[in-house]
Amino acid sequence: MLEQLQGIQQDMLEAQEEIAEETFTATAGGGIVTAEVSGDRRLKALTIDPEVVDPEDVEMLQDLVVVAVNKAMEKIDQATSERMADFTAGLGGIQDLL
């Protein structure tokens, strides 16, 4: 049983490393702002459609940037939860012993 737990732990670490290497992309404002975030939660790129930049309404643009980045972060959380659920589902009766 200990070997099984160690194997699952190793698989979980590998899954976390795979997620860290992925890129998660999200948009806001119908594609006005696009954020690319790596799985280790580093902002890699931020694209803003120059045609919609209004110097009179910088707040809206700032809000869209925040929304796009947060959506990308949520995608990381979702991918992590889905991958980890695969491992915890496989534990079955072992969970009762922990």
PDB file of N, CA and C in Angstrom:
ATOM      1  N   MET A   1       0.829  -1.183   0.000  1.00  0.00           N
ATOM      2  CA  MET A   1       0.000   0.000   0.000  1.00  0.00           C
ATOM      3  C   MET A   1       0.882   1.259   0.000  1.00  0.00           C
ATOM      4  N   LEU A   2       1.987   1.201   0.724  1.00  0.00           N
ATOM      5  CA  LEU A   2       2.900   2.343   0.763  1.00  0.00           C
ATOM      6  C   LEU A   2       3.492   2.606  -0.617  1.00  0.00           C
ATOM      7  N   GLU A   3       3.813   1.526  -1.346  1.00  0.00           N
ATOM      8  CA  GLU A   3       4.335   1.685  -2.702  1.00  0.00           C
ATOM      9  C   GLU A   3       3.304   2.353  -3.599  1.00  0.00           C
ATOM     10  N   GLN A   4       2.047   1.975  -3.428  1.00  0.00           N
ATOM     11  CA  GLN A   4       0.977   2.557  -4.233  1.00  0.00           C
ATOM     12  C   GLN A   4       0.864   4.064  -3.949  1.00  0.00           C
ATOM     13  N   LEU A   5       0.932   4.438  -2.684  1.00  0.00           N
ATOM     14  CA  LEU A   5       0.864   5.855  -2.317  1.00  0.00           C
ATOM     15  C   LEU A   5       2.052   6.634  -2.875  1.00  0.00           C
ATOM     16  N   GLN A   6       3.235   6.028  -2.809  1.00  0.00           N
ATOM     17  CA  GLN A   6       4.418   6.694  -3.347  1.00  0.00           C
ATOM     18  C   GLN A   6       4.302   6.861  -4.860  1.00  0.00           C
ATOM     19  N   GLY A   7       3.745   5.865  -5.526  1.00  0.00           N
ATOM     20  CA  GLY A   7       3.542   5.951  -6.968  1.00  0.00           C
ATOM     21  C   GLY A   7       2.555   7.044  -7.329  1.00  0.00           C
ATOM     22  N   ILE A   8       1.474   7.128  -6.559  1.00  0.00           N
ATOM     23  CA  ILE A   8       0.478   8.171  -6.789  1.00  0.00           C
ATOM     24  C   ILE A   8       1.086   9.548  -6.540  1.00  0.00           C
ATOM     25  N   GLN A   9       1.888   9.656  -5.486  1.00  0.00           N
ATOM     26  CA  GLN A   9       2.539  10.928  -5.185  1.00  0.00           C
ATOM     27  C   GLN A   9       3.456  11.351  -6.338  1.00  0.00           C
ATOM     28  N   GLN A  10       4.200  10.411  -6.878  1.00  0.00           N
ATOM     29  CA  GLN A  10       5.093  10.714  -8.005  1.00  0.00           C
ATOM     30  C   GLN A  10       4.283  11.152  -9.228  1.00  0.00           C
ATOM     31  N   ASP A  11       3.188  10.448  -9.493  1.00  0.00           N
ATOM     32  CA  ASP A  11       2.322  10.806 -10.621  1.00  0.00           C
ATOM     33  C   ASP A  11       1.740  12.204 -10.445  1.00  0.00           C
ATOM     34  N   MET A  12       1.373  12.548  -9.217  1.00  0.00           N
ATOM     35  CA  MET A  12       0.817  13.874  -8.946  1.00  0.00           C
ATOM     36  C   MET A  12       1.871  14.957  -9.180  1.00  0.00           C
ATOM     37  N   LEU A  13       3.094  14.707  -8.760  1.00  0.00           N
ATOM     38  CA  LEU A  13       4.175  15.671  -8.982  1.00  0.00           C
ATOM     39  C   LEU A  13       4.427  15.874 -10.477  1.00  0.00           C
ATOM     40  N   GLU A  14       4.392  14.791 -11.230  1.00  0.00           N
ATOM     41  CA  GLU A  14       4.586  14.881 -12.675  1.00  0.00           C
ATOM     42  C   GLU A  14       3.450  15.667 -13.321  1.00  0.00           C
ATOM     43  N   ALA A  15       2.220  15.443 -12.858  1.00  0.00           N
ATOM     44  CA  ALA A  15       1.072  16.178 -13.398  1.00  0.00           C
ATOM     45  C   ALA A  15       1.206  17.672 -13.096  1.00  0.00           C
ATOM     46  N   GLN A  16       1.670  18.010 -11.893  1.00  0.00           N
ATOM     47  CA  GLN A  16       1.873  19.422 -11.545  1.00  0.00           C
ATOM     48  C   GLN A  16       2.943  20.056 -12.424  1.00  0.00           C
ATOM     49  N   GLU A  17       3.999  19.309 -12.722  1.00  0.00           N
ATOM     50  CA  GLU A  17       5.047  19.823 -13.597  1.00  0.00           C
ATOM     51  C   GLU A  17       4.520  20.037 -15.014  1.00  0.00           C
ATOM     52  N   GLU A  18       3.678  19.122 -15.488  1.00  0.00           N
ATOM     53  CA  GLU A  18       3.087  19.263 -16.817  1.00  0.00           C
ATOM     54  C   GLU A  18       2.204  20.509 -16.884  1.00  0.00           C
ATOM     55  N   ILE A  19       1.414  20.724 -15.860  1.00  0.00           N
ATOM     56  CA  ILE A  19       0.552  21.910 -15.817  1.00  0.00           C
ATOM     57  C   ILE A  19       1.394  23.171 -15.822  1.00  0.00           C
ATOM     58  N   ALA A  20       2.499  23.172 -15.080  1.00  0.00           N
ATOM     59  CA  ALA A  20       3.374  24.347 -15.007  1.00  0.00           C
ATOM     60  C   ALA A  20       3.941  24.708 -16.379  1.00  0.00           C
ATOM     61  N   GLU A  21       4.093  23.721 -17.250  1.00  0.00           N
ATOM     62  CA  GLU A  21       4.649  23.964 -18.577  1.00  0.00           C
ATOM     63  C   GLU A  21       3.597  24.388 -19.594  1.00  0.00           C
ATOM     64  N   GLU A  22       2.329  24.250 -19.264  1.00  0.00           N
ATOM     65  CA  GLU A  22       1.259  24.621 -20.182  1.00  0.00           C
ATOM     66  C   GLU A  22       1.028  26.131 -20.168  1.00  0.00           C
ATOM     67  N   THR A  23       0.349  26.610 -21.207  1.00  0.00           N
ATOM     68  CA  THR A  23      -0.052  28.007 -21.283  1.00  0.00           C
ATOM     69  C   THR A  23      -1.576  28.051 -21.306  1.00  0.00           C
ATOM     70  N   PHE A  24      -2.139  28.920 -20.490  1.00  0.00           N
ATOM     71  CA  PHE A  24      -3.588  29.080 -20.397  1.00  0.00           C
ATOM     72  C   PHE A  24      -3.951  30.468 -20.906  1.00  0.00           C
ATOM     73  N   THR A  25      -4.900  30.517 -21.828  1.00  0.00           N
ATOM     74  CA  THR A  25      -5.281  31.773 -22.467  1.00  0.00           C
ATOM     75  C   THR A  25      -6.733  32.083 -22.158  1.00  0.00           C
ATOM     76  N   ALA A  26      -7.002  33.351 -21.878  1.00  0.00           N
ATOM     77  CA  ALA A  26      -8.371  33.797 -21.621  1.00  0.00           C
ATOM     78  C   ALA A  26      -8.540  35.199 -22.188  1.00  0.00           C
ATOM     79  N   THR A  27      -9.785  35.520 -22.535  1.00  0.00           N
ATOM     80  CA  THR A  27     -10.080  36.839 -23.087  1.00  0.00           C
ATOM     81  C   THR A  27     -11.148  37.525 -22.259  1.00  0.00           C
ATOM     82  N   ALA A  28     -11.259  38.833 -22.466  1.00  0.00           N
ATOM     83  CA  ALA A  28     -12.299  39.630 -21.820  1.00  0.00           C
ATOM     84  C   ALA A  28     -12.760  40.687 -22.817  1.00  0.00           C
ATOM     85  N   GLY A  29     -13.981  41.139 -22.624  1.00  0.00           N
ATOM     86  CA  GLY A  29     -14.512  42.179 -23.490  1.00  0.00           C
ATOM     87  C   GLY A  29     -14.692  41.717 -24.921  1.00  0.00           C
ATOM     88  N   GLY A  30     -15.058  40.464 -25.087  1.00  0.00           N
ATOM     89  CA  GLY A  30     -15.256  39.948 -26.438  1.00  0.00           C
ATOM     90  C   GLY A  30     -13.974  39.856 -27.248  1.00  0.00           C
ATOM     91  N   GLY A  31     -12.867  39.668 -26.574  1.00  0.00           N
ATOM     92  CA  GLY A  31     -11.584  39.520 -27.253  1.00  0.00           C
ATOM     93  C   GLY A  31     -10.757  40.793 -27.286  1.00  0.00           C
ATOM     94  N   ILE A  32     -11.232  41.833 -26.638  1.00  0.00           N
ATOM     95  CA  ILE A  32     -10.484  43.093 -26.595  1.00  0.00           C
ATOM     96  C   ILE A  32      -9.151  42.895 -25.875  1.00  0.00           C
ATOM     97  N   VAL A  33      -9.187  42.119 -24.797  1.00  0.00           N
ATOM     98  CA  VAL A  33      -7.987  41.837 -24.016  1.00  0.00           C
ATOM     99  C   VAL A  33      -7.784  40.326 -23.972  1.00  0.00           C
ATOM    100  N   THR A  34      -6.567  39.890 -24.231  1.00  0.00           N
ATOM    101  CA  THR A  34      -6.214  38.479 -24.149  1.00  0.00           C
ATOM    102  C   THR A  34      -5.014  38.334 -23.225  1.00  0.00           C
ATOM    103  N   ALA A  35      -5.132  37.410 -22.269  1.00  0.00           N
ATOM    104  CA  ALA A  35      -4.037  37.146 -21.333  1.00  0.00           C
ATOM    105  C   ALA A  35      -3.569  35.710 -21.510  1.00  0.00           C
ATOM    106  N   GLU A  36      -2.259  35.535 -21.542  1.00  0.00           N
ATOM    107  CA  GLU A  36      -1.650  34.209 -21.566  1.00  0.00           C
ATOM    108  C   GLU A  36      -0.855  34.045 -20.283  1.00  0.00           C
ATOM    109  N   VAL A  37      -1.192  32.994 -19.532  1.00  0.00           N
ATOM    110  CA  VAL A  37      -0.548  32.744 -18.250  1.00  0.00           C
ATOM    111  C   VAL A  37       0.005  31.324 -18.259  1.00  0.00           C
ATOM    112  N   SER A  38       1.225  31.169 -17.784  1.00  0.00           N
ATOM    113  CA  SER A  38       1.797  29.827 -17.694  1.00  0.00           C
ATOM    114  C   SER A  38       1.188  29.100 -16.498  1.00  0.00           C
ATOM    115  N   GLY A  39       1.285  27.790 -16.540  1.00  0.00           N
ATOM    116  CA  GLY A  39       0.723  26.978 -15.468  1.00  0.00           C
ATOM    117  C   GLY A  39       1.345  27.239 -14.114  1.00  0.00           C
ATOM    118  N   ASP A  40       2.508  27.855 -14.096  1.00  0.00           N
ATOM    119  CA  ASP A  40       3.108  28.223 -12.811  1.00  0.00           C
ATOM    120  C   ASP A  40       2.745  29.665 -12.437  1.00  0.00           C
ATOM    121  N   ARG A  41       1.660  30.155 -13.053  1.00  0.00           N
ATOM    122  CA  ARG A  41       1.022  31.432 -12.712  1.00  0.00           C
ATOM    123  C   ARG A  41       1.887  32.659 -13.016  1.00  0.00           C
ATOM    124  N   ARG A  42       2.549  32.623 -14.144  1.00  0.00           N
ATOM    125  CA  ARG A  42       3.326  33.777 -14.594  1.00  0.00           C
ATOM    126  C   ARG A  42       2.665  34.329 -15.853  1.00  0.00           C
ATOM    127  N   LEU A  43       2.397  35.626 -15.850  1.00  0.00           N
ATOM    128  CA  LEU A  43       1.812  36.270 -17.019  1.00  0.00           C
ATOM    129  C   LEU A  43       2.855  36.280 -18.122  1.00  0.00           C
ATOM    130  N   LYS A  44       2.549  35.613 -19.238  1.00  0.00           N
ATOM    131  CA  LYS A  44       3.495  35.510 -20.338  1.00  0.00           C
ATOM    132  C   LYS A  44       3.246  36.572 -21.398  1.00  0.00           C
ATOM    133  N   ALA A  45       1.963  36.882 -21.634  1.00  0.00           N
ATOM    134  CA  ALA A  45       1.636  37.856 -22.667  1.00  0.00           C
ATOM    135  C   ALA A  45       0.298  38.495 -22.357  1.00  0.00           C
ATOM    136  N   LEU A  46       0.175  39.737 -22.779  1.00  0.00           N
ATOM    137  CA  LEU A  46      -1.068  40.475 -22.617  1.00  0.00           C
ATOM    138  C   LEU A  46      -1.276  41.248 -23.913  1.00  0.00           C
ATOM    139  N   THR A  47      -2.392  40.976 -24.585  1.00  0.00           N
ATOM    140  CA  THR A  47      -2.674  41.623 -25.857  1.00  0.00           C
ATOM    141  C   THR A  47      -3.914  42.483 -25.706  1.00  0.00           C
ATOM    142  N   ILE A  48      -3.811  43.734 -26.166  1.00  0.00           N
ATOM    143  CA  ILE A  48      -4.935  44.663 -26.114  1.00  0.00           C
ATOM    144  C   ILE A  48      -5.180  45.163 -27.528  1.00  0.00           C
ATOM    145  N   ASP A  49      -6.415  45.062 -27.978  1.00  0.00           N
ATOM    146  CA  ASP A  49      -6.785  45.553 -29.299  1.00  0.00           C
ATOM    147  C   ASP A  49      -6.617  47.075 -29.304  1.00  0.00           C
ATOM    148  N   PRO A  50      -5.666  47.609 -30.085  1.00  0.00           N
ATOM    149  CA  PRO A  50      -5.389  49.047 -30.050  1.00  0.00           C
ATOM    150  C   PRO A  50      -6.559  49.916 -30.518  1.00  0.00           C
ATOM    151  N   GLU A  51      -7.459  49.332 -31.287  1.00  0.00           N
ATOM    152  CA  GLU A  51      -8.587  50.112 -31.788  1.00  0.00           C
ATOM    153  C   GLU A  51      -9.574  50.506 -30.699  1.00  0.00           C
ATOM    154  N   VAL A  52      -9.540  49.825 -29.585  1.00  0.00           N
ATOM    155  CA  VAL A  52     -10.512  50.123 -28.527  1.00  0.00           C
ATOM    156  C   VAL A  52      -9.912  50.908 -27.367  1.00  0.00           C
ATOM    157  N   VAL A  53      -8.658  51.249 -27.478  1.00  0.00           N
ATOM    158  CA  VAL A  53      -8.026  52.007 -26.403  1.00  0.00           C
ATOM    159  C   VAL A  53      -8.572  53.434 -26.426  1.00  0.00           C
ATOM    160  N   ASP A  54      -9.228  53.778 -25.340  1.00  0.00           N
ATOM    161  CA  ASP A  54      -9.820  55.104 -25.205  1.00  0.00           C
ATOM    162  C   ASP A  54      -9.153  55.798 -24.021  1.00  0.00           C
ATOM    163  N   PRO A  55      -8.337  56.818 -24.286  1.00  0.00           N
ATOM    164  CA  PRO A  55      -7.645  57.497 -23.182  1.00  0.00           C
ATOM    165  C   PRO A  55      -8.613  58.110 -22.169  1.00  0.00           C
ATOM    166  N   GLU A  56      -9.856  58.293 -22.574  1.00  0.00           N
ATOM    167  CA  GLU A  56     -10.860  58.864 -21.675  1.00  0.00           C
ATOM    168  C   GLU A  56     -11.470  57.802 -20.757  1.00  0.00           C
ATOM    169  N   ASP A  57     -11.235  56.517 -21.082  1.00  0.00           N
ATOM    170  CA  ASP A  57     -11.846  55.445 -20.295  1.00  0.00           C
ATOM    171  C   ASP A  57     -10.815  54.363 -19.969  1.00  0.00           C
ATOM    172  N   VAL A  58      -9.762  54.747 -19.305  1.00  0.00           N
ATOM    173  CA  VAL A  58      -8.701  53.812 -18.939  1.00  0.00           C
ATOM    174  C   VAL A  58      -9.209  52.786 -17.929  1.00  0.00           C
ATOM    175  N   GLU A  59     -10.136  53.173 -17.081  1.00  0.00           N
ATOM    176  CA  GLU A  59     -10.659  52.240 -16.061  1.00  0.00           C
ATOM    177  C   GLU A  59     -11.261  50.996 -16.691  1.00  0.00           C
ATOM    178  N   MET A  60     -12.014  51.155 -17.780  1.00  0.00           N
ATOM    179  CA  MET A  60     -12.616  49.999 -18.431  1.00  0.00           C
ATOM    180  C   MET A  60     -11.527  49.041 -18.914  1.00  0.00           C
ATOM    181  N   LEU A  61     -10.492  49.584 -19.508  1.00  0.00           N
ATOM    182  CA  LEU A  61      -9.398  48.757 -19.997  1.00  0.00           C
ATOM    183  C   LEU A  61      -8.702  48.035 -18.844  1.00  0.00           C
ATOM    184  N   GLN A  62      -8.484  48.726 -17.761  1.00  0.00           N
ATOM    185  CA  GLN A  62      -7.862  48.101 -16.588  1.00  0.00           C
ATOM    186  C   GLN A  62      -8.732  46.955 -16.075  1.00  0.00           C
ATOM    187  N   ASP A  63     -10.037  47.172 -16.030  1.00  0.00           N
ATOM    188  CA  ASP A  63     -10.955  46.128 -15.577  1.00  0.00           C
ATOM    189  C   ASP A  63     -10.893  44.905 -16.489  1.00  0.00           C
ATOM    190  N   LEU A  64     -10.828  45.140 -17.802  1.00  0.00           N
ATOM    191  CA  LEU A  64     -10.767  44.027 -18.748  1.00  0.00           C
ATOM    192  C   LEU A  64      -9.469  43.241 -18.597  1.00  0.00           C
ATOM    193  N   VAL A  65      -8.389  43.925 -18.305  1.00  0.00           N
ATOM    194  CA  VAL A  65      -7.109  43.235 -18.075  1.00  0.00           C
ATOM    195  C   VAL A  65      -7.218  42.328 -16.852  1.00  0.00           C
ATOM    196  N   VAL A  66      -7.780  42.855 -15.789  1.00  0.00           N
ATOM    197  CA  VAL A  66      -7.950  42.070 -14.565  1.00  0.00           C
ATOM    198  C   VAL A  66      -8.827  40.847 -14.833  1.00  0.00           C
ATOM    199  N   VAL A  67      -9.919  41.037 -15.543  1.00  0.00           N
ATOM    200  CA  VAL A  67     -10.834  39.933 -15.843  1.00  0.00           C
ATOM    201  C   VAL A  67     -10.131  38.860 -16.663  1.00  0.00           C
ATOM    202  N   ALA A  68      -9.411  39.255 -17.702  1.00  0.00           N
ATOM    203  CA  ALA A  68      -8.729  38.280 -18.554  1.00  0.00           C
ATOM    204  C   ALA A  68      -7.680  37.485 -17.779  1.00  0.00           C
ATOM    205  N   VAL A  69      -6.895  38.162 -16.958  1.00  0.00           N
ATOM    206  CA  VAL A  69      -5.867  37.471 -16.176  1.00  0.00           C
ATOM    207  C   VAL A  69      -6.519  36.522 -15.168  1.00  0.00           C
ATOM    208  N   ASN A  70      -7.556  36.970 -14.493  1.00  0.00           N
ATOM    209  CA  ASN A  70      -8.239  36.116 -13.520  1.00  0.00           C
ATOM    210  C   ASN A  70      -8.876  34.901 -14.183  1.00  0.00           C
ATOM    211  N   LYS A  71      -9.436  35.065 -15.372  1.00  0.00           N
ATOM    212  CA  LYS A  71     -10.005  33.923 -16.094  1.00  0.00           C
ATOM    213  C   LYS A  71      -8.924  32.901 -16.438  1.00  0.00           C
ATOM    214  N   ALA A  72      -7.768  33.376 -16.848  1.00  0.00           N
ATOM    215  CA  ALA A  72      -6.668  32.455 -17.157  1.00  0.00           C
ATOM    216  C   ALA A  72      -6.230  31.706 -15.903  1.00  0.00           C
ATOM    217  N   MET A  73      -6.175  32.404 -14.779  1.00  0.00           N
ATOM    218  CA  MET A  73      -5.821  31.755 -13.502  1.00  0.00           C
ATOM    219  C   MET A  73      -6.864  30.704 -13.116  1.00  0.00           C
ATOM    220  N   GLU A  74      -8.136  31.013 -13.361  1.00  0.00           N
ATOM    221  CA  GLU A  74      -9.195  30.047 -13.070  1.00  0.00           C
ATOM    222  C   GLU A  74      -9.040  28.797 -13.923  1.00  0.00           C
ATOM    223  N   LYS A  75      -8.593  28.960 -15.162  1.00  0.00           N
ATOM    224  CA  LYS A  75      -8.356  27.798 -16.018  1.00  0.00           C
ATOM    225  C   LYS A  75      -7.255  26.917 -15.447  1.00  0.00           C
ATOM    226  N   ILE A  76      -6.235  27.533 -14.876  1.00  0.00           N
ATOM    227  CA  ILE A  76      -5.163  26.759 -14.232  1.00  0.00           C
ATOM    228  C   ILE A  76      -5.729  25.971 -13.062  1.00  0.00           C
ATOM    229  N   ASP A  77      -6.539  26.638 -12.224  1.00  0.00           N
ATOM    230  CA  ASP A  77      -7.155  25.962 -11.079  1.00  0.00           C
ATOM    231  C   ASP A  77      -8.016  24.796 -11.534  1.00  0.00           C
ATOM    232  N   GLN A  78      -8.783  25.003 -12.590  1.00  0.00           N
ATOM    233  CA  GLN A  78      -9.667  23.952 -13.095  1.00  0.00           C
ATOM    234  C   GLN A  78      -8.857  22.771 -13.626  1.00  0.00           C
ATOM    235  N   ALA A  79      -7.811  23.048 -14.393  1.00  0.00           N
ATOM    236  CA  ALA A  79      -6.974  21.969 -14.927  1.00  0.00           C
ATOM    237  C   ALA A  79      -6.305  21.198 -13.797  1.00  0.00           C
ATOM    238  N   THR A  80      -5.840  21.907 -12.782  1.00  0.00           N
ATOM    239  CA  THR A  80      -5.206  21.261 -11.638  1.00  0.00           C
ATOM    240  C   THR A  80      -6.207  20.386 -10.900  1.00  0.00           C
ATOM    241  N   SER A  81      -7.397  20.900 -10.648  1.00  0.00           N
ATOM    242  CA  SER A  81      -8.424  20.128  -9.941  1.00  0.00           C
ATOM    243  C   SER A  81      -8.798  18.866 -10.710  1.00  0.00           C
ATOM    244  N   GLU A  82      -8.940  19.011 -12.023  1.00  0.00           N
ATOM    245  CA  GLU A  82      -9.308  17.844 -12.838  1.00  0.00           C
ATOM    246  C   GLU A  82      -8.221  16.778 -12.807  1.00  0.00           C
ATOM    247  N   ARG A  83      -6.967  17.210 -12.911  1.00  0.00           N
ATOM    248  CA  ARG A  83      -5.868  16.233 -12.898  1.00  0.00           C
ATOM    249  C   ARG A  83      -5.745  15.571 -11.534  1.00  0.00           C
ATOM    250  N   MET A  84      -5.892  16.337 -10.467  1.00  0.00           N
ATOM    251  CA  MET A  84      -5.751  15.775  -9.126  1.00  0.00           C
ATOM    252  C   MET A  84      -6.934  14.873  -8.787  1.00  0.00           C
ATOM    253  N   ALA A  85      -8.108  15.160  -9.330  1.00  0.00           N
ATOM    254  CA  ALA A  85      -9.284  14.317  -9.084  1.00  0.00           C
ATOM    255  C   ALA A  85      -9.047  12.912  -9.614  1.00  0.00           C
ATOM    256  N   ASP A  86      -8.318  12.809 -10.715  1.00  0.00           N
ATOM    257  CA  ASP A  86      -7.996  11.488 -11.262  1.00  0.00           C
ATOM    258  C   ASP A  86      -7.221  10.651 -10.242  1.00  0.00           C
ATOM    259  N   PHE A  87      -6.339  11.304  -9.502  1.00  0.00           N
ATOM    260  CA  PHE A  87      -5.519  10.579  -8.533  1.00  0.00           C
ATOM    261  C   PHE A  87      -6.314  10.237  -7.279  1.00  0.00           C
ATOM    262  N   THR A  88      -7.080  11.181  -6.774  1.00  0.00           N
ATOM    263  CA  THR A  88      -7.831  10.923  -5.546  1.00  0.00           C
ATOM    264  C   THR A  88      -8.937   9.904  -5.775  1.00  0.00           C
ATOM    265  N   ALA A  89      -9.476   9.852  -6.981  1.00  0.00           N
ATOM    266  CA  ALA A  89     -10.505   8.849  -7.289  1.00  0.00           C
ATOM    267  C   ALA A  89      -9.900   7.448  -7.249  1.00  0.00           C
ATOM    268  N   GLY A  90      -8.633   7.348  -7.629  1.00  0.00           N
ATOM    269  CA  GLY A  90      -7.970   6.057  -7.643  1.00  0.00           C
ATOM    270  C   GLY A  90      -7.560   5.559  -6.271  1.00  0.00           C
ATOM    271  N   LEU A  91      -7.668   6.396  -5.263  1.00  0.00           N
ATOM    272  CA  LEU A  91      -7.264   5.984  -3.924  1.00  0.00           C
ATOM    273  C   LEU A  91      -8.269   5.036  -3.282  1.00  0.00           C
ATOM    274  N   GLY A  92      -9.529   5.203  -3.611  1.00  0.00           N
ATOM    275  CA  GLY A  92     -10.574   4.318  -3.089  1.00  0.00           C
ATOM    276  C   GLY A  92     -10.527   4.159  -1.589  1.00  0.00           C
ATOM    277  N   GLY A  93     -10.343   2.950  -1.097  1.00  0.00           N
ATOM    278  CA  GLY A  93     -10.346   2.655   0.330  1.00  0.00           C
ATOM    279  C   GLY A  93      -9.159   3.214   1.077  1.00  0.00           C
ATOM    280  N   ILE A  94      -8.116   3.596   0.361  1.00  0.00           N
ATOM    281  CA  ILE A  94      -6.936   4.140   1.029  1.00  0.00           C
ATOM    282  C   ILE A  94      -7.272   5.445   1.738  1.00  0.00           C
ATOM    283  N   GLN A  95      -8.214   6.227   1.172  1.00  0.00           N
ATOM    284  CA  GLN A  95      -8.589   7.491   1.789  1.00  0.00           C
ATOM    285  C   GLN A  95      -9.088   7.288   3.221  1.00  0.00           C
ATOM    286  N   ASP A  96      -9.772   6.190   3.470  1.00  0.00           N
ATOM    287  CA  ASP A  96     -10.295   5.914   4.800  1.00  0.00           C
ATOM    288  C   ASP A  96      -9.191   5.667   5.818  1.00  0.00           C
ATOM    289  N   LEU A  97      -8.048   5.216   5.341  1.00  0.00           N
ATOM    290  CA  LEU A  97      -6.936   4.933   6.240  1.00  0.00           C
ATOM    291  C   LEU A  97      -6.145   6.188   6.600  1.00  0.00           C
ATOM    292  N   LEU A  98      -6.270   7.236   5.785  1.00  0.00           N
ATOM    293  CA  LEU A  98      -5.477   8.439   6.009  1.00  0.00           C
ATOM    294  C   LEU A  98      -6.064   9.320   7.067  1.00  0.00           C
TER     295      LEU A  98
END
